Amino acid sequence: MLSGEVAQGKYPVESVSTMLSIIKEGESFVARFPISPSIVTGRDSLASAAVNVAYELKAKLIVALTKDGNLARDVAKFKPSVPVMSYTPSRKVGRQLQLHRGLYPVVSESMTLEEAMDDAVKMGWTKKGDKVVVLSNDDEDTPQQFTMRIETVA
């Protein structure tokens, strides 16, 4: 769009406002229906669902509790519109996760949800009443069993 030319007419404010609403709608469509990699695994399905849930609920953050980093990497593939705090006990995995768009790794031995929620408030990403999407692998004995929860910051 040629904003310079449009803004010189009789109705410059209305023209630019209309352009802004068109751009916002277009960007919102891309956020809701991203052109993304094909979903191949259960973990991909969960990651895609988490990104969509975060968008629909206007969540402020996605938290991924992951030992090997793969769950967080899968979330990053779907380009979420909110930051992803990825908790891992491994410094090596934490360094690797820094290379992915939108991932903010936190190295922590405990990897608890309570710690993640407290850290999110301390870092200024969330405040009381905000929604957070939490992904985790709750059971080490079943590595393909993942959980998605929606938490509200207390």
N, C-alpha and C. Protein backbone atom coordinates (compact mmCIF):
# COMPACT_ATOMS: atom_id res chain seq x y z
N MET A 1 0.84 -1.18 0.00
CA MET A 1 0.00 0.00 0.00
C MET A 1 0.89 1.24 0.00
N LEU A 2 0.41 2.24 -0.63
CA LEU A 2 1.18 3.48 -0.76
C LEU A 2 0.68 4.49 0.26
N SER A 3 1.16 4.39 1.47
CA SER A 3 0.64 5.23 2.55
C SER A 3 0.91 6.71 2.31
N GLY A 4 2.04 7.04 1.69
CA GLY A 4 2.35 8.44 1.43
C GLY A 4 1.33 9.08 0.52
N GLU A 5 1.00 8.40 -0.57
CA GLU A 5 0.05 8.94 -1.54
C GLU A 5 -1.37 8.99 -0.95
N VAL A 6 -1.74 7.94 -0.24
CA VAL A 6 -3.09 7.87 0.33
C VAL A 6 -3.28 8.95 1.39
N ALA A 7 -2.26 9.20 2.18
CA ALA A 7 -2.36 10.15 3.29
C ALA A 7 -2.44 11.60 2.81
N GLN A 8 -2.23 11.86 1.52
CA GLN A 8 -2.28 13.24 1.03
C GLN A 8 -3.66 13.63 0.51
N GLY A 9 -4.61 12.72 0.53
CA GLY A 9 -5.94 13.03 0.02
C GLY A 9 -6.77 13.80 1.03
N LYS A 10 -8.11 13.81 0.79
CA LYS A 10 -9.02 14.55 1.66
C LYS A 10 -9.17 13.91 3.04
N TYR A 11 -8.99 12.60 3.13
CA TYR A 11 -9.24 11.89 4.38
C TYR A 11 -8.01 11.08 4.80
N PRO A 12 -6.91 11.74 5.14
CA PRO A 12 -5.68 11.01 5.43
C PRO A 12 -5.78 10.13 6.69
N VAL A 13 -6.42 10.63 7.74
CA VAL A 13 -6.51 9.86 8.99
C VAL A 13 -7.35 8.61 8.77
N GLU A 14 -8.48 8.76 8.10
CA GLU A 14 -9.35 7.62 7.84
C GLU A 14 -8.65 6.60 6.94
N SER A 15 -7.90 7.09 5.96
CA SER A 15 -7.19 6.19 5.04
C SER A 15 -6.15 5.36 5.78
N VAL A 16 -5.36 6.02 6.61
CA VAL A 16 -4.32 5.31 7.36
C VAL A 16 -4.96 4.37 8.38
N SER A 17 -6.07 4.77 9.00
CA SER A 17 -6.77 3.90 9.95
C SER A 17 -7.28 2.64 9.25
N THR A 18 -7.81 2.81 8.06
CA THR A 18 -8.29 1.66 7.29
C THR A 18 -7.14 0.74 6.93
N MET A 19 -6.02 1.32 6.51
CA MET A 19 -4.84 0.50 6.19
C MET A 19 -4.38 -0.28 7.42
N LEU A 20 -4.38 0.37 8.58
CA LEU A 20 -3.97 -0.29 9.81
C LEU A 20 -4.88 -1.47 10.13
N SER A 21 -6.19 -1.28 9.99
CA SER A 21 -7.11 -2.38 10.29
C SER A 21 -6.93 -3.54 9.31
N ILE A 22 -6.63 -3.24 8.05
CA ILE A 22 -6.38 -4.30 7.06
C ILE A 22 -5.12 -5.07 7.43
N ILE A 23 -4.07 -4.35 7.81
CA ILE A 23 -2.81 -5.00 8.19
C ILE A 23 -3.00 -5.87 9.42
N LYS A 24 -3.71 -5.34 10.44
CA LYS A 24 -3.93 -6.11 11.66
C LYS A 24 -4.71 -7.39 11.37
N GLU A 25 -5.72 -7.29 10.54
CA GLU A 25 -6.51 -8.48 10.20
C GLU A 25 -5.66 -9.50 9.46
N GLY A 26 -4.84 -9.02 8.53
CA GLY A 26 -3.96 -9.92 7.78
C GLY A 26 -2.97 -10.62 8.69
N GLU A 27 -2.36 -9.88 9.61
CA GLU A 27 -1.39 -10.48 10.53
C GLU A 27 -2.08 -11.44 11.48
N SER A 28 -3.29 -11.12 11.90
CA SER A 28 -4.01 -12.02 12.79
C SER A 28 -4.36 -13.32 12.08
N PHE A 29 -4.67 -13.25 10.79
CA PHE A 29 -4.95 -14.46 10.03
C PHE A 29 -3.71 -15.35 9.98
N VAL A 30 -2.55 -14.76 9.73
CA VAL A 30 -1.31 -15.52 9.67
C VAL A 30 -1.02 -16.16 11.02
N ALA A 31 -1.30 -15.44 12.12
CA ALA A 31 -1.05 -15.99 13.45
C ALA A 31 -1.99 -17.15 13.74
N ARG A 32 -3.24 -17.06 13.27
CA ARG A 32 -4.20 -18.14 13.54
C ARG A 32 -3.99 -19.34 12.64
N PHE A 33 -3.59 -19.10 11.42
CA PHE A 33 -3.44 -20.18 10.45
C PHE A 33 -2.05 -20.14 9.82
N PRO A 34 -1.03 -20.42 10.62
CA PRO A 34 0.33 -20.29 10.10
C PRO A 34 0.64 -21.35 9.05
N ILE A 35 1.48 -20.97 8.11
CA ILE A 35 2.01 -21.94 7.17
C ILE A 35 3.14 -22.60 7.94
N SER A 36 2.92 -23.81 8.37
CA SER A 36 3.87 -24.42 9.29
C SER A 36 4.27 -25.80 8.80
N PRO A 37 5.29 -26.34 9.44
CA PRO A 37 5.71 -27.67 9.07
C PRO A 37 4.57 -28.67 9.29
N SER A 38 4.60 -29.74 8.55
CA SER A 38 3.55 -30.73 8.72
C SER A 38 3.69 -31.39 10.09
N ILE A 39 2.55 -31.76 10.64
CA ILE A 39 2.53 -32.40 11.95
C ILE A 39 2.77 -33.89 11.75
N VAL A 40 3.85 -34.38 12.35
CA VAL A 40 4.26 -35.76 12.13
C VAL A 40 4.13 -36.59 13.39
N THR A 41 4.46 -36.01 14.54
CA THR A 41 4.48 -36.78 15.79
C THR A 41 3.43 -36.25 16.76
N GLY A 42 3.21 -37.01 17.81
CA GLY A 42 2.32 -36.56 18.87
C GLY A 42 2.83 -35.29 19.53
N ARG A 43 4.15 -35.20 19.65
CA ARG A 43 4.76 -34.01 20.25
C ARG A 43 4.50 -32.79 19.37
N ASP A 44 4.57 -32.96 18.04
CA ASP A 44 4.25 -31.86 17.12
C ASP A 44 2.80 -31.41 17.30
N SER A 45 1.90 -32.38 17.45
CA SER A 45 0.48 -32.05 17.64
C SER A 45 0.28 -31.24 18.90
N LEU A 46 0.95 -31.66 19.97
CA LEU A 46 0.84 -30.95 21.23
C LEU A 46 1.41 -29.54 21.11
N ALA A 47 2.55 -29.41 20.46
CA ALA A 47 3.19 -28.10 20.30
C ALA A 47 2.29 -27.17 19.48
N SER A 48 1.74 -27.68 18.40
CA SER A 48 0.84 -26.88 17.57
C SER A 48 -0.40 -26.46 18.36
N ALA A 49 -0.96 -27.40 19.11
CA ALA A 49 -2.14 -27.09 19.93
C ALA A 49 -1.82 -26.03 20.98
N ALA A 50 -0.64 -26.12 21.59
CA ALA A 50 -0.25 -25.14 22.62
C ALA A 50 -0.15 -23.74 22.03
N VAL A 51 0.42 -23.63 20.84
CA VAL A 51 0.53 -22.32 20.19
C VAL A 51 -0.86 -21.77 19.88
N ASN A 52 -1.75 -22.62 19.38
CA ASN A 52 -3.11 -22.18 19.06
C ASN A 52 -3.89 -21.80 20.32
N VAL A 53 -3.74 -22.60 21.39
CA VAL A 53 -4.43 -22.29 22.65
C VAL A 53 -3.93 -20.97 23.21
N ALA A 54 -2.61 -20.76 23.18
CA ALA A 54 -2.04 -19.51 23.68
C ALA A 54 -2.61 -18.32 22.91
N TYR A 55 -2.76 -18.47 21.61
CA TYR A 55 -3.31 -17.38 20.79
C TYR A 55 -4.79 -17.14 21.14
N GLU A 56 -5.57 -18.21 21.17
CA GLU A 56 -7.01 -18.08 21.39
C GLU A 56 -7.33 -17.53 22.78
N LEU A 57 -6.57 -17.95 23.80
CA LEU A 57 -6.84 -17.51 25.18
C LEU A 57 -6.11 -16.22 25.54
N LYS A 58 -5.33 -15.71 24.58
CA LYS A 58 -4.52 -14.52 24.83
C LYS A 58 -3.59 -14.74 26.02
N ALA A 59 -3.01 -15.94 26.07
CA ALA A 59 -2.04 -16.26 27.12
C ALA A 59 -0.81 -15.38 26.94
N LYS A 60 -0.15 -15.07 28.02
CA LYS A 60 1.03 -14.21 27.97
C LYS A 60 2.32 -14.99 27.79
N LEU A 61 2.28 -16.32 27.99
CA LEU A 61 3.50 -17.09 28.03
C LEU A 61 3.19 -18.57 27.80
N ILE A 62 4.16 -19.27 27.21
CA ILE A 62 4.13 -20.73 27.16
C ILE A 62 5.33 -21.20 27.96
N VAL A 63 5.12 -22.16 28.85
CA VAL A 63 6.21 -22.75 29.63
C VAL A 63 6.36 -24.19 29.18
N ALA A 64 7.59 -24.57 28.81
CA ALA A 64 7.88 -25.96 28.42
C ALA A 64 8.88 -26.54 29.41
N LEU A 65 8.46 -27.56 30.14
CA LEU A 65 9.35 -28.26 31.06
C LEU A 65 9.91 -29.46 30.29
N THR A 66 11.19 -29.39 29.92
CA THR A 66 11.76 -30.37 29.01
C THR A 66 13.19 -30.72 29.39
N LYS A 67 13.49 -31.99 29.44
CA LYS A 67 14.86 -32.40 29.78
C LYS A 67 15.77 -32.34 28.57
N ASP A 68 15.27 -32.79 27.42
CA ASP A 68 16.13 -32.84 26.23
C ASP A 68 15.94 -31.65 25.30
N GLY A 69 14.96 -30.80 25.56
CA GLY A 69 14.74 -29.60 24.76
C GLY A 69 13.85 -29.81 23.54
N ASN A 70 13.53 -31.05 23.22
CA ASN A 70 12.76 -31.32 22.00
C ASN A 70 11.35 -30.73 22.04
N LEU A 71 10.72 -30.78 23.19
CA LEU A 71 9.37 -30.23 23.31
C LEU A 71 9.38 -28.73 23.03
N ALA A 72 10.36 -28.02 23.58
CA ALA A 72 10.47 -26.57 23.35
C ALA A 72 10.80 -26.28 21.88
N ARG A 73 11.68 -27.08 21.28
CA ARG A 73 12.02 -26.88 19.86
C ARG A 73 10.78 -27.04 18.99
N ASP A 74 9.96 -28.03 19.32
CA ASP A 74 8.75 -28.25 18.54
C ASP A 74 7.79 -27.07 18.66
N VAL A 75 7.69 -26.49 19.84
CA VAL A 75 6.84 -25.31 20.01
C VAL A 75 7.37 -24.17 19.14
N ALA A 76 8.68 -23.97 19.14
CA ALA A 76 9.30 -22.89 18.36
C ALA A 76 9.01 -23.04 16.87
N LYS A 77 8.89 -24.28 16.39
CA LYS A 77 8.60 -24.52 14.96
C LYS A 77 7.32 -23.85 14.52
N PHE A 78 6.37 -23.74 15.43
CA PHE A 78 5.06 -23.20 15.08
C PHE A 78 4.96 -21.69 15.35
N LYS A 79 6.10 -21.05 15.60
CA LYS A 79 6.22 -19.59 15.72
C LYS A 79 5.14 -18.96 16.60
N PRO A 80 5.17 -19.26 17.89
CA PRO A 80 4.15 -18.67 18.78
C PRO A 80 4.31 -17.16 18.88
N SER A 81 3.20 -16.50 19.15
CA SER A 81 3.21 -15.04 19.27
C SER A 81 3.57 -14.58 20.67
N VAL A 82 3.83 -15.53 21.57
CA VAL A 82 4.23 -15.21 22.95
C VAL A 82 5.57 -15.89 23.23
N PRO A 83 6.30 -15.40 24.24
CA PRO A 83 7.58 -16.04 24.57
C PRO A 83 7.37 -17.45 25.12
N VAL A 84 8.39 -18.28 24.97
CA VAL A 84 8.36 -19.65 25.49
C VAL A 84 9.52 -19.79 26.48
N MET A 85 9.18 -19.93 27.76
CA MET A 85 10.21 -20.23 28.77
C MET A 85 10.40 -21.73 28.76
N SER A 86 11.61 -22.17 28.47
CA SER A 86 11.87 -23.60 28.40
C SER A 86 12.80 -23.99 29.55
N TYR A 87 12.26 -24.72 30.50
CA TYR A 87 13.02 -25.17 31.67
C TYR A 87 13.68 -26.50 31.36
N THR A 88 14.97 -26.58 31.67
CA THR A 88 15.73 -27.80 31.45
C THR A 88 16.79 -27.92 32.53
N PRO A 89 17.14 -29.14 32.94
CA PRO A 89 18.20 -29.29 33.94
C PRO A 89 19.60 -29.25 33.32
N SER A 90 19.69 -29.26 32.01
CA SER A 90 20.98 -29.37 31.32
C SER A 90 21.46 -28.02 30.78
N ARG A 91 22.69 -27.64 31.17
CA ARG A 91 23.27 -26.41 30.64
C ARG A 91 23.46 -26.51 29.13
N LYS A 92 23.87 -27.68 28.67
CA LYS A 92 24.10 -27.89 27.24
C LYS A 92 22.81 -27.65 26.46
N VAL A 93 21.72 -28.26 26.92
CA VAL A 93 20.43 -28.09 26.25
C VAL A 93 20.00 -26.62 26.32
N GLY A 94 20.21 -25.97 27.46
CA GLY A 94 19.87 -24.56 27.60
C GLY A 94 20.59 -23.70 26.57
N ARG A 95 21.88 -23.97 26.36
CA ARG A 95 22.64 -23.21 25.36
C ARG A 95 22.09 -23.47 23.96
N GLN A 96 21.76 -24.72 23.67
CA GLN A 96 21.23 -25.06 22.35
C GLN A 96 19.89 -24.37 22.09
N LEU A 97 19.06 -24.29 23.12
CA LEU A 97 17.73 -23.69 22.95
C LEU A 97 17.80 -22.19 22.69
N GLN A 98 18.90 -21.55 23.05
CA GLN A 98 19.05 -20.12 22.79
C GLN A 98 19.07 -19.80 21.30
N LEU A 99 19.32 -20.80 20.48
CA LEU A 99 19.41 -20.59 19.04
C LEU A 99 18.05 -20.55 18.34
N HIS A 100 17.00 -20.89 19.06
CA HIS A 100 15.67 -20.99 18.45
C HIS A 100 14.85 -19.73 18.72
N ARG A 101 14.08 -19.34 17.71
CA ARG A 101 13.25 -18.14 17.79
C ARG A 101 12.22 -18.26 18.92
N GLY A 102 12.18 -17.25 19.77
CA GLY A 102 11.15 -17.16 20.80
C GLY A 102 11.36 -18.00 22.03
N LEU A 103 12.45 -18.79 22.08
CA LEU A 103 12.70 -19.63 23.26
C LEU A 103 13.61 -18.89 24.24
N TYR A 104 13.25 -18.96 25.50
CA TYR A 104 14.04 -18.37 26.57
C TYR A 104 14.34 -19.47 27.59
N PRO A 105 15.49 -20.14 27.42
CA PRO A 105 15.80 -21.27 28.30
C PRO A 105 16.17 -20.83 29.72
N VAL A 106 15.75 -21.64 30.67
CA VAL A 106 16.11 -21.46 32.07
C VAL A 106 16.66 -22.80 32.54
N VAL A 107 17.90 -22.80 33.01
CA VAL A 107 18.50 -24.04 33.51
C VAL A 107 18.15 -24.17 34.99
N SER A 108 17.47 -25.26 35.32
CA SER A 108 17.02 -25.48 36.69
C SER A 108 16.94 -26.97 36.96
N GLU A 109 17.54 -27.40 38.05
CA GLU A 109 17.49 -28.82 38.42
C GLU A 109 16.08 -29.25 38.79
N SER A 110 15.34 -28.37 39.45
CA SER A 110 14.03 -28.78 39.96
C SER A 110 12.94 -28.80 38.88
N MET A 111 12.98 -27.87 37.94
CA MET A 111 12.00 -27.80 36.85
C MET A 111 10.56 -27.88 37.34
N THR A 112 10.20 -27.12 38.36
CA THR A 112 8.83 -27.18 38.86
C THR A 112 7.98 -26.07 38.25
N LEU A 113 6.70 -26.32 38.17
CA LEU A 113 5.76 -25.33 37.65
C LEU A 113 5.73 -24.09 38.54
N GLU A 114 5.77 -24.29 39.85
CA GLU A 114 5.75 -23.16 40.78
C GLU A 114 6.94 -22.24 40.54
N GLU A 115 8.12 -22.83 40.36
CA GLU A 115 9.32 -22.04 40.08
C GLU A 115 9.16 -21.27 38.77
N ALA A 116 8.63 -21.93 37.76
CA ALA A 116 8.43 -21.28 36.46
C ALA A 116 7.48 -20.10 36.56
N MET A 117 6.38 -20.28 37.27
CA MET A 117 5.40 -19.20 37.42
C MET A 117 6.00 -18.02 38.20
N ASP A 118 6.76 -18.32 39.26
CA ASP A 118 7.42 -17.26 40.04
C ASP A 118 8.43 -16.51 39.18
N ASP A 119 9.22 -17.25 38.41
CA ASP A 119 10.22 -16.63 37.54
C ASP A 119 9.57 -15.74 36.49
N ALA A 120 8.44 -16.18 35.94
CA ALA A 120 7.75 -15.40 34.91
C ALA A 120 7.29 -14.06 35.47
N VAL A 121 6.81 -14.06 36.71
CA VAL A 121 6.38 -12.81 37.34
C VAL A 121 7.59 -11.93 37.61
N LYS A 122 8.66 -12.52 38.14
CA LYS A 122 9.88 -11.76 38.45
C LYS A 122 10.48 -11.13 37.20
N MET A 123 10.40 -11.84 36.08
CA MET A 123 10.97 -11.34 34.82
C MET A 123 10.06 -10.33 34.13
N GLY A 124 8.85 -10.16 34.65
CA GLY A 124 7.93 -9.18 34.08
C GLY A 124 7.13 -9.69 32.89
N TRP A 125 7.14 -10.98 32.64
CA TRP A 125 6.39 -11.53 31.51
C TRP A 125 4.93 -11.75 31.85
N THR A 126 4.64 -11.97 33.12
CA THR A 126 3.26 -12.20 33.52
C THR A 126 2.96 -11.41 34.79
N LYS A 127 1.67 -11.27 35.06
CA LYS A 127 1.23 -10.67 36.31
C LYS A 127 -0.01 -11.44 36.77
N LYS A 128 -0.47 -11.13 37.94
CA LYS A 128 -1.62 -11.83 38.52
C LYS A 128 -2.80 -11.81 37.56
N GLY A 129 -3.40 -12.97 37.35
CA GLY A 129 -4.56 -13.09 36.48
C GLY A 129 -4.25 -13.48 35.04
N ASP A 130 -2.97 -13.40 34.64
CA ASP A 130 -2.59 -13.78 33.28
C ASP A 130 -2.68 -15.29 33.09
N LYS A 131 -2.98 -15.69 31.87
CA LYS A 131 -3.02 -17.12 31.53
C LYS A 131 -1.66 -17.55 30.99
N VAL A 132 -1.28 -18.78 31.34
CA VAL A 132 -0.02 -19.37 30.89
C VAL A 132 -0.31 -20.79 30.42
N VAL A 133 0.22 -21.16 29.26
CA VAL A 133 0.08 -22.53 28.75
C VAL A 133 1.34 -23.29 29.18
N VAL A 134 1.14 -24.44 29.82
CA VAL A 134 2.26 -25.22 30.35
C VAL A 134 2.31 -26.58 29.66
N LEU A 135 3.48 -26.93 29.14
CA LEU A 135 3.70 -28.23 28.50
C LEU A 135 4.74 -28.99 29.30
N SER A 136 4.52 -30.28 29.47
CA SER A 136 5.51 -31.07 30.21
C SER A 136 5.39 -32.54 29.85
N ASN A 137 6.43 -33.26 30.22
CA ASN A 137 6.42 -34.72 30.16
C ASN A 137 6.44 -35.15 31.62
N ASP A 138 5.28 -35.51 32.15
CA ASP A 138 5.16 -35.78 33.58
C ASP A 138 5.78 -37.08 34.03
N ASP A 139 5.91 -38.03 33.13
CA ASP A 139 6.34 -39.36 33.53
C ASP A 139 7.57 -39.78 32.74
N GLU A 140 8.69 -39.96 33.44
CA GLU A 140 9.92 -40.35 32.76
C GLU A 140 9.83 -41.76 32.16
N ASP A 141 8.96 -42.59 32.71
CA ASP A 141 8.84 -43.97 32.21
C ASP A 141 8.12 -44.04 30.87
N THR A 142 7.34 -43.04 30.55
CA THR A 142 6.64 -43.00 29.26
C THR A 142 7.03 -41.72 28.53
N PRO A 143 8.14 -41.76 27.79
CA PRO A 143 8.67 -40.54 27.18
C PRO A 143 7.75 -39.90 26.14
N GLN A 144 6.77 -40.61 25.62
CA GLN A 144 5.88 -40.03 24.62
C GLN A 144 4.56 -39.56 25.22
N GLN A 145 4.49 -39.48 26.54
CA GLN A 145 3.27 -39.01 27.20
C GLN A 145 3.47 -37.57 27.66
N PHE A 146 2.77 -36.65 27.02
CA PHE A 146 2.93 -35.23 27.31
C PHE A 146 1.64 -34.66 27.87
N THR A 147 1.78 -33.56 28.58
CA THR A 147 0.64 -32.91 29.20
C THR A 147 0.62 -31.43 28.83
N MET A 148 -0.57 -30.92 28.55
CA MET A 148 -0.74 -29.48 28.35
C MET A 148 -1.75 -29.00 29.38
N ARG A 149 -1.38 -27.94 30.09
CA ARG A 149 -2.27 -27.36 31.10
C ARG A 149 -2.37 -25.86 30.86
N ILE A 150 -3.47 -25.30 31.29
CA ILE A 150 -3.65 -23.85 31.24
C ILE A 150 -3.72 -23.38 32.68
N GLU A 151 -2.77 -22.54 33.06
CA GLU A 151 -2.67 -22.05 34.43
C GLU A 151 -2.97 -20.55 34.45
N THR A 152 -3.46 -20.08 35.57
CA THR A 152 -3.65 -18.66 35.79
C THR A 152 -2.68 -18.22 36.87
N VAL A 153 -1.96 -17.13 36.61
CA VAL A 153 -0.97 -16.65 37.57
C VAL A 153 -1.70 -16.15 38.81
N ALA A 154 -1.26 -16.66 39.96
CA ALA A 154 -1.90 -16.28 41.24
C ALA A 154 -1.18 -15.12 41.89
